[in-house]
N, C-alpha and C. Protein backbone atom coordinates (compact mmCIF):
# COMPACT_ATOMS: atom_id res chain seq x y z
N UNK A 1 -39.19 14.23 32.40
CA UNK A 1 -37.83 13.57 32.16
C UNK A 1 -36.88 13.72 32.57
N UNK A 2 -36.18 14.30 33.81
CA UNK A 2 -35.65 14.53 34.23
C UNK A 2 -33.42 14.79 33.86
N UNK A 3 -32.83 16.12 34.44
CA UNK A 3 -32.29 16.93 33.06
C UNK A 3 -31.06 15.44 33.02
N UNK A 4 -30.80 14.83 34.13
CA UNK A 4 -30.48 14.24 33.44
C UNK A 4 -30.02 13.44 32.58
N UNK A 5 -31.42 12.34 32.06
CA UNK A 5 -31.43 12.27 30.23
C UNK A 5 -31.27 13.27 29.64
N UNK A 6 -31.59 14.61 29.73
CA UNK A 6 -31.21 15.00 29.42
C UNK A 6 -29.39 15.08 27.76
N UNK A 7 -30.46 15.01 26.68
CA UNK A 7 -28.16 14.73 25.87
C UNK A 7 -28.53 15.43 25.29
N UNK A 8 -27.53 16.13 25.59
CA UNK A 8 -26.92 17.90 24.64
C UNK A 8 -26.21 17.20 23.17
N UNK A 9 -27.03 18.09 22.27
CA UNK A 9 -26.84 17.58 21.11
C UNK A 9 -26.03 19.29 21.16
N UNK A 10 -23.86 19.38 20.52
CA UNK A 10 -23.27 20.85 20.36
C UNK A 10 -23.67 20.46 19.00
N UNK A 11 -23.94 22.48 18.45
CA UNK A 11 -23.50 22.97 16.92
C UNK A 11 -22.56 22.71 16.61
N UNK A 12 -22.80 22.21 14.75
CA UNK A 12 -21.07 21.84 14.15
C UNK A 12 -20.91 24.22 14.14
N UNK A 13 -19.71 24.17 14.72
CA UNK A 13 -18.67 25.14 13.88
C UNK A 13 -18.87 25.62 12.33
N UNK A 14 -18.76 27.02 11.97
CA UNK A 14 -18.67 27.23 10.63
C UNK A 14 -17.92 26.01 9.79
N UNK A 15 -16.89 26.19 10.44
CA UNK A 15 -15.41 25.25 9.98
C UNK A 15 -16.53 24.21 9.70
N UNK A 16 -16.37 23.17 10.46
CA UNK A 16 -16.89 21.45 10.11
C UNK A 16 -18.47 21.92 9.64
N UNK A 17 -19.74 22.85 9.84
CA UNK A 17 -20.13 22.61 8.63
C UNK A 17 -20.25 22.31 6.96
N UNK A 18 -18.79 23.65 6.83
CA UNK A 18 -18.08 23.24 5.51
C UNK A 18 -17.64 22.59 5.36
N UNK A 19 -16.50 21.18 5.57
CA UNK A 19 -16.21 20.84 5.62
C UNK A 19 -17.00 19.67 5.47
N UNK A 20 -18.00 18.92 6.60
CA UNK A 20 -18.94 18.50 5.81
C UNK A 20 -20.15 18.29 4.75
N UNK A 21 -20.02 19.08 4.02
CA UNK A 21 -20.81 19.74 2.59
C UNK A 21 -19.38 19.66 1.56
N UNK A 22 -18.53 20.42 1.91
CA UNK A 22 -17.39 20.07 0.59
C UNK A 22 -17.12 18.22 1.11
N UNK A 23 -16.79 17.32 1.61
CA UNK A 23 -17.08 15.73 1.30
C UNK A 23 -18.57 15.17 0.62
N UNK A 24 -19.90 16.17 0.77
CA UNK A 24 -20.63 16.09 -0.24
C UNK A 24 -20.26 15.85 -1.44
N UNK A 25 -20.71 17.30 -1.21
CA UNK A 25 -19.58 17.58 -2.54
C UNK A 25 -18.48 16.88 -3.97
N UNK A 26 -17.79 16.31 -2.97
CA UNK A 26 -16.02 15.23 -3.15
C UNK A 26 -17.58 14.40 -3.46
N UNK A 27 -17.65 13.19 -2.77
CA UNK A 27 -18.52 12.05 -2.82
C UNK A 27 -19.30 12.29 -3.78
N UNK A 28 -20.37 13.20 -3.83
CA UNK A 28 -21.24 13.24 -5.40
C UNK A 28 -20.92 13.66 -6.61
N UNK A 29 -19.41 14.46 -6.52
CA UNK A 29 -18.65 14.69 -7.76
C UNK A 29 -17.67 13.54 -8.40
N UNK A 30 -17.47 11.95 -7.75
CA UNK A 30 -16.92 11.44 -7.59
C UNK A 30 -17.29 10.15 -7.80
N UNK A 31 -19.04 9.51 -7.67
CA UNK A 31 -20.14 9.45 -8.53
C UNK A 31 -20.51 9.45 -9.70
N UNK A 32 -20.40 10.83 -9.59
CA UNK A 32 -20.65 11.24 -10.87
C UNK A 32 -19.67 10.19 -11.49
N UNK A 33 -18.60 10.77 -11.43
CA UNK A 33 -17.98 10.34 -12.40
C UNK A 33 -17.69 8.53 -12.16
N UNK A 34 -17.63 8.03 -11.79
CA UNK A 34 -18.16 6.51 -12.41
C UNK A 34 -19.37 6.99 -12.76
N UNK A 35 -20.21 7.26 -13.17
CA UNK A 35 -21.61 7.19 -13.26
C UNK A 35 -21.21 7.38 -14.55
N UNK A 36 -20.52 9.01 -15.41
CA UNK A 36 -20.34 8.46 -16.77
C UNK A 36 -19.37 8.29 -17.38
N UNK A 37 -18.35 7.90 -16.89
CA UNK A 37 -17.26 6.45 -16.70
C UNK A 37 -17.94 4.76 -17.47
N UNK A 38 -19.08 4.64 -16.26
CA UNK A 38 -19.10 3.28 -16.45
C UNK A 38 -20.54 3.89 -17.58
N UNK A 39 -20.84 4.39 -18.10
CA UNK A 39 -22.14 4.72 -18.64
C UNK A 39 -22.16 5.18 -20.42
N UNK A 40 -20.45 4.32 -20.72
CA UNK A 40 -20.17 4.16 -22.18
C UNK A 40 -20.18 5.35 -23.27
N UNK A 41 -20.97 6.35 -22.34
CA UNK A 41 -21.88 7.87 -23.01
C UNK A 41 -20.30 8.24 -24.04
N UNK A 42 -19.48 8.73 -23.32
CA UNK A 42 -17.91 8.88 -23.77
C UNK A 42 -17.66 8.24 -25.27
N UNK A 43 -17.44 9.01 -25.93
CA UNK A 43 -16.83 8.08 -27.45
C UNK A 43 -15.52 8.25 -27.16
N UNK A 44 -14.54 6.82 -26.97
CA UNK A 44 -13.76 7.68 -26.60
C UNK A 44 -12.26 6.46 -28.10
N UNK A 45 -12.57 6.71 -28.76
CA UNK A 45 -12.68 6.24 -30.16
C UNK A 45 -11.76 6.63 -31.20
N UNK A 46 -10.75 6.25 -31.85
CA UNK A 46 -9.31 7.45 -32.07
C UNK A 46 -9.73 7.88 -32.90
N UNK A 47 -11.01 7.86 -33.83
CA UNK A 47 -11.46 8.85 -34.99
C UNK A 47 -12.61 9.85 -35.16
N UNK A 48 -12.85 9.75 -33.83
CA UNK A 48 -13.34 11.39 -33.43
C UNK A 48 -12.26 12.40 -32.37
N UNK A 49 -12.91 13.73 -32.49
CA UNK A 49 -11.11 14.94 -31.45
C UNK A 49 -12.13 14.86 -30.42
N UNK A 50 -10.87 13.98 -29.54
CA UNK A 50 -11.18 14.64 -28.16
C UNK A 50 -10.47 15.81 -27.67
N UNK A 51 -12.24 16.12 -26.47
CA UNK A 51 -12.04 16.93 -25.52
C UNK A 51 -10.47 17.55 -25.06
N UNK A 52 -10.33 18.73 -25.07
CA UNK A 52 -8.61 19.06 -24.95
C UNK A 52 -8.36 18.66 -22.86
N UNK A 53 -8.93 18.17 -22.32
CA UNK A 53 -8.95 17.39 -21.17
C UNK A 53 -8.89 15.95 -21.55
N UNK A 54 -9.18 16.26 -21.61
CA UNK A 54 -9.24 14.50 -22.19
C UNK A 54 -7.45 13.28 -23.35
N UNK A 55 -7.39 14.72 -23.89
CA UNK A 55 -6.11 14.72 -25.13
C UNK A 55 -5.65 14.76 -24.16
N UNK A 56 -5.34 15.53 -22.41
CA UNK A 56 -3.85 15.27 -21.77
C UNK A 56 -4.01 14.43 -20.89
N UNK A 57 -5.00 14.09 -20.57
CA UNK A 57 -4.80 12.45 -19.99
C UNK A 57 -5.15 11.20 -20.86
N UNK A 58 -5.68 11.42 -21.42
CA UNK A 58 -4.85 9.77 -22.59
C UNK A 58 -3.34 9.96 -22.63
N UNK A 59 -2.96 10.71 -22.80
CA UNK A 59 -1.29 11.49 -23.08
C UNK A 59 -0.39 10.56 -21.77
N UNK A 60 -1.34 11.53 -21.02
CA UNK A 60 0.12 11.31 -19.85
C UNK A 60 -0.56 9.69 -19.04
N UNK A 61 -1.38 9.48 -19.98
CA UNK A 61 -1.24 7.46 -19.84
C UNK A 61 -0.06 6.88 -20.36
N UNK A 62 -0.62 7.41 -21.70
CA UNK A 62 0.08 6.18 -22.71
C UNK A 62 1.47 6.24 -22.69
N UNK A 63 1.35 8.18 -22.13
CA UNK A 63 2.77 8.17 -21.84
C UNK A 63 3.77 7.18 -20.48
N UNK A 64 3.20 7.15 -19.68
CA UNK A 64 3.78 6.43 -18.07
C UNK A 64 2.66 5.06 -18.86
N UNK A 65 2.16 4.69 -19.13
CA UNK A 65 2.04 3.16 -20.09
C UNK A 65 3.44 2.65 -20.24
N UNK A 66 3.50 3.40 -21.27
CA UNK A 66 5.31 2.51 -22.79
C UNK A 66 6.08 2.67 -21.40
N UNK A 67 6.31 3.63 -20.47
CA UNK A 67 7.46 3.83 -19.39
C UNK A 67 7.86 2.63 -18.33
N UNK A 68 6.34 2.42 -18.03
CA UNK A 68 6.84 1.74 -17.24
C UNK A 68 6.81 0.00 -17.64
N UNK A 69 6.18 0.33 -19.29
CA UNK A 69 6.60 -1.49 -19.08
C UNK A 69 8.27 -1.49 -20.52
N UNK A 70 8.56 -0.45 -20.50
CA UNK A 70 10.25 -0.73 -20.46
C UNK A 70 10.75 -0.21 -19.88
N UNK A 71 10.47 -0.89 -18.97
CA UNK A 71 11.52 -1.11 -17.59
C UNK A 71 12.29 -2.13 -17.73
N UNK A 72 13.40 -2.26 -17.22
CA UNK A 72 14.46 -3.00 -18.24
C UNK A 72 14.33 -4.13 -19.84
N UNK A 73 13.75 -3.21 -20.23
CA UNK A 73 13.77 -3.80 -21.90
C UNK A 73 15.53 -3.17 -22.57
N UNK A 74 15.90 -3.30 -22.46
CA UNK A 74 17.03 -3.40 -23.71
C UNK A 74 16.93 -3.44 -25.17
N UNK A 75 17.70 -2.28 -25.31
CA UNK A 75 17.17 -2.03 -26.45
C UNK A 75 18.81 -2.80 -27.50
N UNK A 76 18.28 -3.33 -28.46
CA UNK A 76 19.70 -3.59 -29.54
C UNK A 76 20.11 -2.87 -30.40
N UNK A 77 20.96 -3.57 -30.44
CA UNK A 77 22.41 -2.72 -30.92
C UNK A 77 21.33 -1.93 -32.43
N UNK A 78 20.92 -0.85 -33.53
CA UNK A 78 20.03 -1.40 -34.40
C UNK A 78 20.94 -1.06 -36.08
N UNK A 79 22.33 -1.27 -35.38
CA UNK A 79 22.88 -0.92 -36.34
C UNK A 79 23.28 -1.50 -37.45
N UNK A 80 22.69 -3.06 -36.79
CA UNK A 80 23.49 -4.33 -37.03
C UNK A 80 22.51 -4.84 -37.93
């Protein structure tokens, strides 16, 4: 094969390899999280104590949901 037909492949730098590996790890964590959520393994019922991180996330979701849903709602006079 003539030398002009040879394709030279440039090796990735250390930081490029770290970046590619990081993308694979992030993708695996993302897919694992999706599988965990869709599997229904975790009992989200109110009768069971949750992990502290789960309580934190549920609290934020609840508070933000209430805040967004109540925009534009006028509070009536409660003394009436």
